[in-house]
Amino acid sequence: MTHYERMVKGLIYFPDDPEIKKEQVPFQDKLWEFNQLKASDIEKKQQYMHEVFAECGENNYIELPFRANWGGHHVHLGSNIYMNSNTTMVDDGHIYIGDYVQIGPNITIATANHPIDPELRKRGLQYNKDVHIGNNVWIGANTIIVPGVTIGDDTVIGAGSVVTKDIPSHVVAVGNPCRVLREVSEHDREYFYRSEKIDWEELNELL
């Protein structure tokens, strides 16, 4: 079994293997070009996402710069996703993101990990575990999501969190390590910030 095949299977492998680098470096070059685009280059941004990403739905937007080990080649995007600036995706493994996801600034989503054994680390070995993010998730600024984590639908991850374990659907979770704070409730349909009520009647007219 080659190192590339081991990488695909989620086994320990050598990421600097020549076969892997031959596949990876062209995507890194394309990512460099992507990060030179202007805010007004909307069509070119869309073209990049549809050509390079593993999957890409519609109406997705990325604030540059964007960082990814494979240029996003192992990223699967749904539709209506917004990524703020300085999103880093360590996409040696696959990252699956559902529809209507909001990603704050300075977010890291990592799939690559390294063995605890010091001898294996000295040899530069690693392994990858996929990350899954559900629909309508909001990830607050400066959050880190580690390899192998799943986040359920409609969940909010508070700013500065380190997500080390799976987080269920329909909750607010925060902290290091990230823990469930509470469920999303009817209170959240009445108040948008502390004691400030949502003016549903006027808001619906505008929408």
N, C-alpha and C. Protein backbone atom coordinates (compact mmCIF):
# COMPACT_ATOMS: atom_id res chain seq x y z
N MET A 1 0.85 -1.20 0.00
CA MET A 1 0.00 0.00 0.00
C MET A 1 0.88 1.25 0.00
N THR A 2 0.59 2.19 -0.88
CA THR A 2 1.39 3.41 -0.97
C THR A 2 0.97 4.38 0.14
N HIS A 3 1.80 5.41 0.35
CA HIS A 3 1.45 6.42 1.34
C HIS A 3 0.17 7.17 0.94
N TYR A 4 -0.02 7.39 -0.36
CA TYR A 4 -1.25 8.04 -0.81
C TYR A 4 -2.47 7.20 -0.47
N GLU A 5 -2.37 5.89 -0.71
CA GLU A 5 -3.48 4.99 -0.38
C GLU A 5 -3.73 4.96 1.12
N ARG A 6 -2.67 5.00 1.90
CA ARG A 6 -2.82 5.04 3.36
C ARG A 6 -3.49 6.34 3.80
N MET A 7 -3.14 7.44 3.16
CA MET A 7 -3.77 8.72 3.47
C MET A 7 -5.27 8.65 3.24
N VAL A 8 -5.67 8.10 2.10
CA VAL A 8 -7.09 7.99 1.74
C VAL A 8 -7.85 7.13 2.75
N LYS A 9 -7.19 6.10 3.28
CA LYS A 9 -7.83 5.18 4.21
C LYS A 9 -7.83 5.68 5.66
N GLY A 10 -7.20 6.82 5.92
CA GLY A 10 -7.16 7.36 7.27
C GLY A 10 -6.13 6.69 8.15
N LEU A 11 -5.13 6.05 7.54
CA LEU A 11 -4.06 5.38 8.29
C LEU A 11 -2.88 6.32 8.47
N ILE A 12 -1.95 5.95 9.32
CA ILE A 12 -0.72 6.72 9.50
C ILE A 12 0.09 6.66 8.21
N TYR A 13 0.57 7.84 7.77
CA TYR A 13 1.28 7.90 6.49
C TYR A 13 2.29 9.05 6.53
N PHE A 14 3.10 9.14 5.48
CA PHE A 14 4.12 10.18 5.37
C PHE A 14 3.63 11.26 4.40
N PRO A 15 3.24 12.45 4.88
CA PRO A 15 2.61 13.45 4.02
C PRO A 15 3.54 14.08 2.99
N ASP A 16 4.87 13.94 3.18
CA ASP A 16 5.81 14.51 2.22
C ASP A 16 6.23 13.50 1.15
N ASP A 17 5.50 12.39 1.06
CA ASP A 17 5.77 11.40 0.03
C ASP A 17 5.67 12.06 -1.35
N PRO A 18 6.59 11.77 -2.27
CA PRO A 18 6.60 12.44 -3.59
C PRO A 18 5.29 12.29 -4.36
N GLU A 19 4.64 11.12 -4.27
CA GLU A 19 3.37 10.93 -4.98
C GLU A 19 2.31 11.88 -4.44
N ILE A 20 2.29 12.05 -3.12
CA ILE A 20 1.31 12.96 -2.51
C ILE A 20 1.61 14.41 -2.89
N LYS A 21 2.87 14.80 -2.80
CA LYS A 21 3.24 16.17 -3.14
C LYS A 21 2.92 16.50 -4.60
N LYS A 22 3.09 15.52 -5.48
CA LYS A 22 2.78 15.74 -6.89
C LYS A 22 1.31 16.10 -7.08
N GLU A 23 0.44 15.50 -6.26
CA GLU A 23 -0.99 15.80 -6.32
C GLU A 23 -1.33 17.11 -5.60
N GLN A 24 -0.65 17.36 -4.48
CA GLN A 24 -1.03 18.46 -3.59
C GLN A 24 -0.56 19.83 -4.06
N VAL A 25 0.68 19.93 -4.51
CA VAL A 25 1.29 21.23 -4.80
C VAL A 25 0.52 22.04 -5.85
N PRO A 26 0.01 21.43 -6.93
CA PRO A 26 -0.77 22.25 -7.88
C PRO A 26 -1.98 22.93 -7.25
N PHE A 27 -2.61 22.26 -6.29
CA PHE A 27 -3.75 22.90 -5.61
C PHE A 27 -3.28 24.04 -4.72
N GLN A 28 -2.11 23.91 -4.12
CA GLN A 28 -1.55 25.00 -3.32
C GLN A 28 -1.22 26.20 -4.19
N ASP A 29 -0.72 25.94 -5.40
CA ASP A 29 -0.44 27.03 -6.34
C ASP A 29 -1.73 27.75 -6.74
N LYS A 30 -2.78 26.97 -7.00
CA LYS A 30 -4.06 27.58 -7.36
C LYS A 30 -4.62 28.41 -6.20
N LEU A 31 -4.39 27.93 -4.98
CA LEU A 31 -4.87 28.67 -3.81
C LEU A 31 -4.15 30.01 -3.69
N TRP A 32 -2.87 30.04 -4.00
CA TRP A 32 -2.12 31.31 -3.96
C TRP A 32 -2.76 32.30 -4.93
N GLU A 33 -3.09 31.84 -6.12
CA GLU A 33 -3.73 32.71 -7.11
C GLU A 33 -5.11 33.17 -6.62
N PHE A 34 -5.84 32.27 -6.00
CA PHE A 34 -7.17 32.59 -5.46
C PHE A 34 -7.09 33.72 -4.45
N ASN A 35 -6.08 33.68 -3.61
CA ASN A 35 -5.93 34.70 -2.56
C ASN A 35 -5.48 36.06 -3.09
N GLN A 36 -5.14 36.14 -4.36
CA GLN A 36 -4.79 37.44 -4.95
C GLN A 36 -6.03 38.14 -5.53
N LEU A 37 -7.19 37.48 -5.52
CA LEU A 37 -8.38 38.07 -6.12
C LEU A 37 -8.89 39.25 -5.30
N LYS A 38 -9.53 40.18 -5.99
CA LYS A 38 -10.16 41.33 -5.34
C LYS A 38 -11.55 40.95 -4.85
N ALA A 39 -12.08 41.77 -3.95
CA ALA A 39 -13.44 41.53 -3.43
C ALA A 39 -14.48 41.51 -4.55
N SER A 40 -14.21 42.29 -5.60
CA SER A 40 -15.16 42.38 -6.72
C SER A 40 -15.06 41.21 -7.70
N ASP A 41 -14.05 40.35 -7.54
CA ASP A 41 -13.86 39.22 -8.46
C ASP A 41 -14.76 38.04 -8.06
N ILE A 42 -16.04 38.31 -7.98
CA ILE A 42 -16.98 37.31 -7.46
C ILE A 42 -17.06 36.09 -8.38
N GLU A 43 -17.11 36.32 -9.69
CA GLU A 43 -17.22 35.19 -10.62
C GLU A 43 -15.97 34.31 -10.56
N LYS A 44 -14.80 34.91 -10.41
CA LYS A 44 -13.57 34.12 -10.33
C LYS A 44 -13.52 33.31 -9.03
N LYS A 45 -14.04 33.90 -7.96
CA LYS A 45 -14.11 33.15 -6.70
C LYS A 45 -15.01 31.93 -6.86
N GLN A 46 -16.16 32.13 -7.49
CA GLN A 46 -17.08 31.02 -7.71
C GLN A 46 -16.45 29.95 -8.58
N GLN A 47 -15.73 30.39 -9.59
CA GLN A 47 -15.07 29.45 -10.50
C GLN A 47 -14.06 28.59 -9.74
N TYR A 48 -13.29 29.21 -8.87
CA TYR A 48 -12.30 28.46 -8.09
C TYR A 48 -12.98 27.40 -7.22
N MET A 49 -14.02 27.80 -6.50
CA MET A 49 -14.68 26.86 -5.59
C MET A 49 -15.27 25.68 -6.34
N HIS A 50 -15.86 25.94 -7.50
CA HIS A 50 -16.48 24.85 -8.26
C HIS A 50 -15.45 23.96 -8.95
N GLU A 51 -14.30 24.51 -9.27
CA GLU A 51 -13.27 23.71 -9.94
C GLU A 51 -12.40 22.93 -8.96
N VAL A 52 -12.10 23.52 -7.81
CA VAL A 52 -11.12 22.93 -6.90
C VAL A 52 -11.75 22.12 -5.78
N PHE A 53 -12.83 22.61 -5.19
CA PHE A 53 -13.42 21.92 -4.05
C PHE A 53 -14.00 20.58 -4.47
N ALA A 54 -14.04 19.64 -3.53
CA ALA A 54 -14.59 18.31 -3.82
C ALA A 54 -16.06 18.43 -4.22
N GLU A 55 -16.79 19.29 -3.54
CA GLU A 55 -18.18 19.59 -3.87
C GLU A 55 -18.44 21.05 -3.52
N CYS A 56 -19.31 21.69 -4.29
CA CYS A 56 -19.65 23.08 -3.99
C CYS A 56 -21.04 23.38 -4.52
N GLY A 57 -21.93 23.78 -3.59
CA GLY A 57 -23.28 24.16 -3.98
C GLY A 57 -23.32 25.58 -4.52
N GLU A 58 -24.43 26.26 -4.28
CA GLU A 58 -24.63 27.60 -4.83
C GLU A 58 -24.64 28.65 -3.73
N ASN A 59 -24.33 29.88 -4.15
CA ASN A 59 -24.42 31.06 -3.28
C ASN A 59 -23.49 30.96 -2.08
N ASN A 60 -22.27 30.50 -2.31
CA ASN A 60 -21.25 30.43 -1.26
C ASN A 60 -20.28 31.59 -1.43
N TYR A 61 -19.79 32.12 -0.30
CA TYR A 61 -18.88 33.27 -0.36
C TYR A 61 -17.76 33.10 0.65
N ILE A 62 -16.53 33.38 0.22
CA ILE A 62 -15.36 33.31 1.08
C ILE A 62 -14.68 34.66 1.11
N GLU A 63 -14.51 35.22 2.32
CA GLU A 63 -13.68 36.42 2.49
C GLU A 63 -12.22 35.98 2.52
N LEU A 64 -11.42 36.58 1.67
CA LEU A 64 -10.00 36.21 1.62
C LEU A 64 -9.21 36.96 2.69
N PRO A 65 -8.08 36.39 3.17
CA PRO A 65 -7.45 35.17 2.67
C PRO A 65 -8.08 33.90 3.21
N PHE A 66 -7.92 32.84 2.43
CA PHE A 66 -8.40 31.50 2.77
C PHE A 66 -7.19 30.57 2.75
N ARG A 67 -7.07 29.73 3.76
CA ARG A 67 -5.93 28.82 3.85
C ARG A 67 -6.43 27.38 3.85
N ALA A 68 -5.77 26.52 3.10
CA ALA A 68 -6.14 25.11 3.09
C ALA A 68 -4.94 24.29 2.59
N ASN A 69 -4.64 23.21 3.28
CA ASN A 69 -3.49 22.38 2.92
C ASN A 69 -3.56 21.85 1.49
N TRP A 70 -4.78 21.52 1.06
CA TRP A 70 -4.99 21.03 -0.30
C TRP A 70 -5.80 22.03 -1.12
N GLY A 71 -5.77 23.29 -0.74
CA GLY A 71 -6.47 24.32 -1.49
C GLY A 71 -7.98 24.23 -1.42
N GLY A 72 -8.49 23.35 -0.55
CA GLY A 72 -9.93 23.11 -0.50
C GLY A 72 -10.36 21.90 -1.31
N HIS A 73 -9.42 21.17 -1.87
CA HIS A 73 -9.74 20.03 -2.74
C HIS A 73 -10.48 18.92 -2.02
N HIS A 74 -10.32 18.85 -0.69
CA HIS A 74 -11.02 17.83 0.10
C HIS A 74 -12.15 18.44 0.93
N VAL A 75 -12.64 19.62 0.50
CA VAL A 75 -13.73 20.30 1.19
C VAL A 75 -15.03 20.11 0.41
N HIS A 76 -16.08 19.72 1.12
CA HIS A 76 -17.40 19.50 0.52
C HIS A 76 -18.35 20.56 1.06
N LEU A 77 -18.76 21.48 0.20
CA LEU A 77 -19.63 22.58 0.62
C LEU A 77 -21.05 22.37 0.14
N GLY A 78 -22.02 22.64 1.02
CA GLY A 78 -23.40 22.73 0.60
C GLY A 78 -23.64 24.07 -0.08
N SER A 79 -24.78 24.69 0.20
CA SER A 79 -25.12 25.98 -0.41
C SER A 79 -25.36 27.04 0.67
N ASN A 80 -25.25 28.30 0.26
CA ASN A 80 -25.53 29.45 1.14
C ASN A 80 -24.61 29.46 2.36
N ILE A 81 -23.33 29.30 2.09
CA ILE A 81 -22.31 29.28 3.15
C ILE A 81 -21.51 30.58 3.09
N TYR A 82 -21.27 31.15 4.26
CA TYR A 82 -20.41 32.34 4.35
C TYR A 82 -19.22 32.02 5.24
N MET A 83 -18.01 32.24 4.70
CA MET A 83 -16.77 32.08 5.47
C MET A 83 -16.10 33.43 5.60
N ASN A 84 -15.86 33.86 6.82
CA ASN A 84 -15.17 35.12 7.05
C ASN A 84 -13.66 34.94 6.82
N SER A 85 -12.92 36.03 6.91
CA SER A 85 -11.50 36.02 6.55
C SER A 85 -10.68 35.15 7.50
N ASN A 86 -9.57 34.66 6.97
CA ASN A 86 -8.61 33.84 7.71
C ASN A 86 -9.19 32.50 8.16
N THR A 87 -10.09 31.95 7.36
CA THR A 87 -10.51 30.57 7.59
C THR A 87 -9.37 29.66 7.17
N THR A 88 -9.02 28.73 8.06
CA THR A 88 -7.98 27.74 7.75
C THR A 88 -8.60 26.36 7.78
N MET A 89 -8.47 25.63 6.68
CA MET A 89 -8.97 24.27 6.61
C MET A 89 -7.79 23.33 6.36
N VAL A 90 -7.47 22.56 7.37
CA VAL A 90 -6.40 21.57 7.22
C VAL A 90 -7.06 20.35 6.57
N ASP A 91 -7.20 20.43 5.24
CA ASP A 91 -8.03 19.47 4.51
C ASP A 91 -7.22 18.32 3.92
N ASP A 92 -6.29 17.78 4.70
CA ASP A 92 -5.62 16.55 4.28
C ASP A 92 -6.65 15.42 4.25
N GLY A 93 -7.56 15.42 5.23
CA GLY A 93 -8.74 14.59 5.19
C GLY A 93 -9.90 15.40 4.64
N HIS A 94 -11.11 14.86 4.72
CA HIS A 94 -12.26 15.53 4.12
C HIS A 94 -13.03 16.33 5.16
N ILE A 95 -13.53 17.50 4.74
CA ILE A 95 -14.34 18.38 5.58
C ILE A 95 -15.69 18.55 4.88
N TYR A 96 -16.75 18.18 5.58
CA TYR A 96 -18.11 18.24 5.03
C TYR A 96 -18.88 19.35 5.75
N ILE A 97 -19.40 20.30 4.98
CA ILE A 97 -20.12 21.44 5.55
C ILE A 97 -21.48 21.53 4.88
N GLY A 98 -22.55 21.57 5.70
CA GLY A 98 -23.91 21.60 5.17
C GLY A 98 -24.34 22.96 4.66
N ASP A 99 -25.63 23.14 4.47
CA ASP A 99 -26.20 24.37 3.93
C ASP A 99 -26.36 25.43 5.03
N TYR A 100 -26.35 26.70 4.62
CA TYR A 100 -26.62 27.84 5.50
C TYR A 100 -25.69 27.89 6.72
N VAL A 101 -24.43 27.58 6.50
CA VAL A 101 -23.45 27.61 7.58
C VAL A 101 -22.73 28.96 7.56
N GLN A 102 -22.56 29.55 8.75
CA GLN A 102 -21.81 30.80 8.90
C GLN A 102 -20.54 30.51 9.69
N ILE A 103 -19.41 30.87 9.10
CA ILE A 103 -18.10 30.63 9.71
C ILE A 103 -17.45 31.97 10.00
N GLY A 104 -17.20 32.25 11.28
CA GLY A 104 -16.63 33.52 11.68
C GLY A 104 -15.17 33.66 11.28
N PRO A 105 -14.55 34.80 11.62
CA PRO A 105 -13.14 35.03 11.26
C PRO A 105 -12.19 34.18 12.12
N ASN A 106 -11.06 33.86 11.53
CA ASN A 106 -9.97 33.17 12.23
C ASN A 106 -10.37 31.80 12.77
N ILE A 107 -11.07 31.05 11.93
CA ILE A 107 -11.52 29.71 12.29
C ILE A 107 -10.52 28.69 11.74
N THR A 108 -10.22 27.66 12.54
CA THR A 108 -9.42 26.54 12.06
C THR A 108 -10.24 25.27 12.14
N ILE A 109 -10.36 24.58 11.00
CA ILE A 109 -11.00 23.27 10.94
C ILE A 109 -9.94 22.28 10.48
N ALA A 110 -9.53 21.39 11.37
CA ALA A 110 -8.39 20.51 11.09
C ALA A 110 -8.83 19.06 10.97
N THR A 111 -8.28 18.36 9.98
CA THR A 111 -8.48 16.91 9.88
C THR A 111 -7.19 16.15 10.15
N ALA A 112 -6.05 16.82 10.05
CA ALA A 112 -4.76 16.15 10.20
C ALA A 112 -4.36 16.09 11.67
N ASN A 113 -3.81 14.95 12.07
CA ASN A 113 -3.36 14.76 13.43
C ASN A 113 -2.04 14.00 13.40
N HIS A 114 -1.35 13.99 14.53
CA HIS A 114 -0.04 13.34 14.60
C HIS A 114 -0.02 12.34 15.76
N PRO A 115 0.69 11.24 15.60
CA PRO A 115 0.74 10.23 16.66
C PRO A 115 1.33 10.80 17.94
N ILE A 116 0.87 10.30 19.06
CA ILE A 116 1.44 10.67 20.35
C ILE A 116 2.85 10.11 20.50
N ASP A 117 3.08 8.93 19.93
CA ASP A 117 4.39 8.29 20.04
C ASP A 117 5.46 9.19 19.45
N PRO A 118 6.49 9.56 20.23
CA PRO A 118 7.50 10.53 19.75
C PRO A 118 8.32 10.00 18.58
N GLU A 119 8.53 8.70 18.51
CA GLU A 119 9.33 8.14 17.40
C GLU A 119 8.59 8.32 16.08
N LEU A 120 7.29 8.09 16.08
CA LEU A 120 6.51 8.27 14.86
C LEU A 120 6.46 9.74 14.45
N ARG A 121 6.32 10.64 15.44
CA ARG A 121 6.30 12.07 15.11
C ARG A 121 7.63 12.51 14.55
N LYS A 122 8.73 11.98 15.08
CA LYS A 122 10.05 12.35 14.60
C LYS A 122 10.21 12.01 13.11
N ARG A 123 9.50 10.99 12.69
CA ARG A 123 9.56 10.58 11.28
C ARG A 123 8.63 11.40 10.39
N GLY A 124 7.92 12.35 10.99
CA GLY A 124 7.06 13.24 10.21
C GLY A 124 5.76 12.60 9.76
N LEU A 125 5.28 11.60 10.51
CA LEU A 125 4.07 10.89 10.11
C LEU A 125 2.82 11.58 10.65
N GLN A 126 1.71 11.32 10.01
CA GLN A 126 0.43 11.87 10.46
C GLN A 126 -0.69 10.94 10.02
N TYR A 127 -1.91 11.26 10.46
CA TYR A 127 -3.11 10.58 9.99
C TYR A 127 -4.24 11.60 9.96
N ASN A 128 -5.31 11.31 9.23
CA ASN A 128 -6.40 12.26 9.04
C ASN A 128 -7.74 11.64 9.45
N LYS A 129 -8.58 12.45 10.08
CA LYS A 129 -9.94 12.03 10.41
C LYS A 129 -10.90 13.14 9.97
N ASP A 130 -11.92 12.75 9.22
CA ASP A 130 -12.84 13.71 8.61
C ASP A 130 -13.63 14.51 9.65
N VAL A 131 -14.02 15.71 9.26
CA VAL A 131 -14.86 16.59 10.09
C VAL A 131 -16.20 16.78 9.37
N HIS A 132 -17.30 16.75 10.15
CA HIS A 132 -18.64 16.93 9.59
C HIS A 132 -19.34 18.07 10.33
N ILE A 133 -19.81 19.06 9.58
CA ILE A 133 -20.55 20.19 10.14
C ILE A 133 -21.92 20.20 9.48
N GLY A 134 -22.99 20.19 10.28
CA GLY A 134 -24.35 20.07 9.76
C GLY A 134 -24.88 21.33 9.14
N ASN A 135 -26.18 21.36 8.90
CA ASN A 135 -26.86 22.49 8.28
C ASN A 135 -27.13 23.60 9.30
N ASN A 136 -27.07 24.85 8.83
CA ASN A 136 -27.48 26.02 9.61
C ASN A 136 -26.69 26.15 10.91
N VAL A 137 -25.40 25.85 10.84
CA VAL A 137 -24.51 25.98 12.00
C VAL A 137 -23.82 27.34 11.95
N TRP A 138 -23.65 27.95 13.11
CA TRP A 138 -22.89 29.20 13.23
C TRP A 138 -21.67 28.92 14.11
N ILE A 139 -20.49 29.17 13.55
CA ILE A 139 -19.24 28.94 14.27
C ILE A 139 -18.61 30.29 14.58
N GLY A 140 -18.53 30.64 15.86
CA GLY A 140 -18.04 31.95 16.28
C GLY A 140 -16.55 32.12 16.06
N ALA A 141 -16.12 33.38 16.07
CA ALA A 141 -14.73 33.75 15.76
C ALA A 141 -13.72 33.01 16.64
N ASN A 142 -12.58 32.72 16.03
CA ASN A 142 -11.42 32.15 16.73
C ASN A 142 -11.69 30.75 17.30
N THR A 143 -12.59 30.03 16.67
CA THR A 143 -12.88 28.65 17.08
C THR A 143 -11.92 27.68 16.39
N ILE A 144 -11.57 26.62 17.11
CA ILE A 144 -10.76 25.54 16.55
C ILE A 144 -11.58 24.26 16.62
N ILE A 145 -11.67 23.56 15.49
CA ILE A 145 -12.36 22.27 15.42
C ILE A 145 -11.32 21.21 15.08
N VAL A 146 -11.18 20.22 15.95
CA VAL A 146 -10.11 19.24 15.80
C VAL A 146 -10.57 18.05 14.96
N PRO A 147 -9.63 17.21 14.52
CA PRO A 147 -9.98 16.08 13.65
C PRO A 147 -11.02 15.14 14.24
N GLY A 148 -11.90 14.64 13.34
CA GLY A 148 -12.85 13.62 13.70
C GLY A 148 -14.14 14.09 14.33
N VAL A 149 -14.32 15.41 14.45
CA VAL A 149 -15.48 15.98 15.16
C VAL A 149 -16.69 16.09 14.22
N THR A 150 -17.88 15.88 14.78
CA THR A 150 -19.15 16.13 14.09
C THR A 150 -19.94 17.16 14.89
N ILE A 151 -20.48 18.18 14.18
CA ILE A 151 -21.34 19.20 14.79
C ILE A 151 -22.71 19.09 14.15
N GLY A 152 -23.76 18.97 14.97
CA GLY A 152 -25.11 18.76 14.46
C GLY A 152 -25.76 20.00 13.89
N ASP A 153 -26.94 19.82 13.29
CA ASP A 153 -27.69 20.89 12.65
C ASP A 153 -28.13 21.97 13.65
N ASP A 154 -28.20 23.21 13.16
CA ASP A 154 -28.78 24.35 13.89
C ASP A 154 -28.03 24.71 15.16
N THR A 155 -26.81 24.26 15.30
CA THR A 155 -26.03 24.50 16.51
C THR A 155 -25.19 25.76 16.39
N VAL A 156 -24.98 26.43 17.52
CA VAL A 156 -24.11 27.61 17.61
C VAL A 156 -22.89 27.23 18.44
N ILE A 157 -21.70 27.49 17.89
CA ILE A 157 -20.45 27.29 18.62
C ILE A 157 -19.92 28.67 19.01
N GLY A 158 -19.81 28.93 20.30
CA GLY A 158 -19.41 30.25 20.78
C GLY A 158 -17.98 30.59 20.42
N ALA A 159 -17.72 31.89 20.34
CA ALA A 159 -16.40 32.38 19.95
C ALA A 159 -15.31 31.86 20.89
N GLY A 160 -14.17 31.53 20.30
CA GLY A 160 -13.02 31.10 21.08
C GLY A 160 -13.07 29.66 21.55
N SER A 161 -14.02 28.88 21.05
CA SER A 161 -14.16 27.50 21.49
C SER A 161 -13.11 26.59 20.86
N VAL A 162 -12.80 25.51 21.57
CA VAL A 162 -11.97 24.44 21.02
C VAL A 162 -12.84 23.18 21.05
N VAL A 163 -13.28 22.76 19.87
CA VAL A 163 -14.23 21.65 19.77
C VAL A 163 -13.45 20.35 19.63
N THR A 164 -13.42 19.58 20.71
CA THR A 164 -12.64 18.34 20.76
C THR A 164 -13.49 17.09 20.67
N LYS A 165 -14.82 17.25 20.86
CA LYS A 165 -15.73 16.11 20.80
C LYS A 165 -16.98 16.51 20.02
N ASP A 166 -17.76 15.50 19.62
CA ASP A 166 -18.99 15.76 18.87
C ASP A 166 -19.93 16.66 19.67
N ILE A 167 -20.62 17.56 18.93
CA ILE A 167 -21.61 18.45 19.52
C ILE A 167 -22.95 18.15 18.85
N PRO A 168 -24.03 17.94 19.62
CA PRO A 168 -25.31 17.56 19.03
C PRO A 168 -25.99 18.72 18.31
N SER A 169 -27.14 18.43 17.72
CA SER A 169 -27.94 19.44 17.02
C SER A 169 -28.70 20.32 18.01
N HIS A 170 -29.06 21.52 17.55
CA HIS A 170 -29.99 22.43 18.25
C HIS A 170 -29.49 22.85 19.63
N VAL A 171 -28.19 23.13 19.75
CA VAL A 171 -27.67 23.58 21.05
C VAL A 171 -26.74 24.77 20.85
N VAL A 172 -26.49 25.47 21.96
CA VAL A 172 -25.42 26.47 22.04
C VAL A 172 -24.31 25.83 22.85
N ALA A 173 -23.11 25.79 22.28
CA ALA A 173 -21.97 25.17 22.94
C ALA A 173 -20.79 26.13 22.91
N VAL A 174 -19.99 26.12 23.97
CA VAL A 174 -18.90 27.09 24.06
C VAL A 174 -17.83 26.56 25.01
N GLY A 175 -16.60 27.06 24.86
CA GLY A 175 -15.56 26.78 25.83
C GLY A 175 -14.40 25.97 25.30
N ASN A 176 -13.41 25.78 26.18
CA ASN A 176 -12.23 24.97 25.88
C ASN A 176 -12.00 24.00 27.04
N PRO A 177 -12.38 22.73 26.85
CA PRO A 177 -13.00 22.16 25.65
C PRO A 177 -14.46 22.59 25.52
N CYS A 178 -14.95 22.60 24.28
CA CYS A 178 -16.31 23.06 24.00
C CYS A 178 -17.34 22.11 24.61
N ARG A 179 -18.28 22.69 25.37
CA ARG A 179 -19.34 21.91 26.02
C ARG A 179 -20.70 22.56 25.74
N VAL A 180 -21.74 21.74 25.77
CA VAL A 180 -23.09 22.25 25.55
C VAL A 180 -23.48 23.15 26.71
N LEU A 181 -23.88 24.37 26.39
CA LEU A 181 -24.33 25.34 27.39
C LEU A 181 -25.84 25.22 27.61
N ARG A 182 -26.57 25.13 26.51
CA ARG A 182 -28.03 25.02 26.60
C ARG A 182 -28.57 24.63 25.23
N GLU A 183 -29.86 24.29 25.20
CA GLU A 183 -30.54 24.03 23.94
C GLU A 183 -31.03 25.34 23.33
N VAL A 184 -31.14 25.36 22.01
CA VAL A 184 -31.82 26.47 21.33
C VAL A 184 -33.30 26.35 21.66
N SER A 185 -33.93 27.46 22.09
CA SER A 185 -35.29 27.39 22.63
C SER A 185 -36.19 28.49 22.06
N GLU A 186 -37.43 28.50 22.53
CA GLU A 186 -38.38 29.53 22.12
C GLU A 186 -37.91 30.92 22.54
N HIS A 187 -37.12 31.00 23.60
CA HIS A 187 -36.56 32.28 24.04
C HIS A 187 -35.78 32.94 22.89
N ASP A 188 -35.11 32.11 22.10
CA ASP A 188 -34.28 32.64 21.00
C ASP A 188 -35.12 33.14 19.84
N ARG A 189 -36.39 32.75 19.79
CA ARG A 189 -37.30 33.30 18.78
C ARG A 189 -37.89 34.63 19.23
N GLU A 190 -37.75 34.96 20.50
CA GLU A 190 -38.30 36.21 21.01
C GLU A 190 -37.23 37.28 21.20
N TYR A 191 -36.02 36.88 21.59
CA TYR A 191 -34.95 37.83 21.87
C TYR A 191 -33.73 37.52 21.00
N PHE A 192 -33.16 38.57 20.38
CA PHE A 192 -31.97 38.37 19.57
C PHE A 192 -30.70 38.72 20.33
N TYR A 193 -30.81 39.55 21.39
CA TYR A 193 -29.63 39.93 22.19
C TYR A 193 -30.10 40.35 23.57
N ARG A 194 -29.75 39.57 24.56
CA ARG A 194 -30.12 39.86 25.95
C ARG A 194 -31.62 40.18 26.06
N SER A 195 -31.98 41.42 26.46
CA SER A 195 -33.40 41.75 26.64
C SER A 195 -34.01 42.43 25.41
N GLU A 196 -33.29 42.44 24.29
CA GLU A 196 -33.78 43.11 23.08
C GLU A 196 -34.62 42.13 22.26
N LYS A 197 -35.90 42.50 22.03
CA LYS A 197 -36.82 41.61 21.33
C LYS A 197 -36.67 41.71 19.81
N ILE A 198 -36.97 40.62 19.15
CA ILE A 198 -36.99 40.58 17.69
C ILE A 198 -38.29 41.22 17.22
N ASP A 199 -38.20 42.24 16.37
CA ASP A 199 -39.38 42.91 15.83
C ASP A 199 -39.86 42.15 14.59
N TRP A 200 -40.48 41.01 14.83
CA TRP A 200 -40.83 40.08 13.76
C TRP A 200 -41.70 40.72 12.68
N GLU A 201 -42.65 41.55 13.05
CA GLU A 201 -43.59 42.12 12.07
C GLU A 201 -42.87 42.96 11.03
N GLU A 202 -42.05 43.91 11.50
CA GLU A 202 -41.31 44.75 10.55
C GLU A 202 -40.24 43.96 9.82
N LEU A 203 -39.58 43.05 10.55
CA LEU A 203 -38.52 42.26 9.95
C LEU A 203 -39.04 41.42 8.80
N ASN A 204 -40.21 40.80 8.98
CA ASN A 204 -40.81 39.97 7.93
C ASN A 204 -41.18 40.78 6.70
N GLU A 205 -41.57 42.03 6.90
CA GLU A 205 -41.88 42.90 5.76
C GLU A 205 -40.63 43.18 4.93
N LEU A 206 -39.50 43.35 5.62
CA LEU A 206 -38.25 43.61 4.90
C LEU A 206 -37.71 42.37 4.20
N LEU A 207 -37.99 41.22 4.76
CA LEU A 207 -37.51 39.96 4.19
C LEU A 207 -38.43 39.46 3.08
